[in-house]
């Protein structure tokens, strides 16, 4: 499936739990409706529960507060808004357990390296590399890198 172009055929849920015996809850934030649908389909089929989709910062903040996702995939370029600014707002404005944020883009990571490192995001995935396993690997790597910090995966329920 090419999520960067928004194409998909089968969107059936795999029904399996992640490696932690826990279905990860995900919010996808992107201004492209095709990407939202394709990413939803892909991640659902790979054992990630997509609990919400938002096309702008206001929707993302509302949904994050209400739905309490474990992770939020945030497009760096949200049309007229900056996804990097949303990262900080998600961390500060969504309560005591904000979602971990992974930034996504159709552009190469090298174009944003400094900004990504300065943000509160746990990492970056190119849209063409998006998968359930890529998200899990990035979260595991962030957890390993921050053993003594507040990043804990899987979340305690």
Foldseek 3Di string as FASTA:
>chain_A
DQLVVLDDDAQDACPAAPPVRHAFEEEEEAQDPSSQNSLNSQARNQRHHDPYYYLDLVVVLVCCQVVVGQEYEFEQCSPPDGSLVSQVCQVVPRDDRGHAYEYEYCDDCVVCVVSQVPGSHLYYDYSRRDHNVVVVVSLVVSCVVCVPDDRDPPDDD
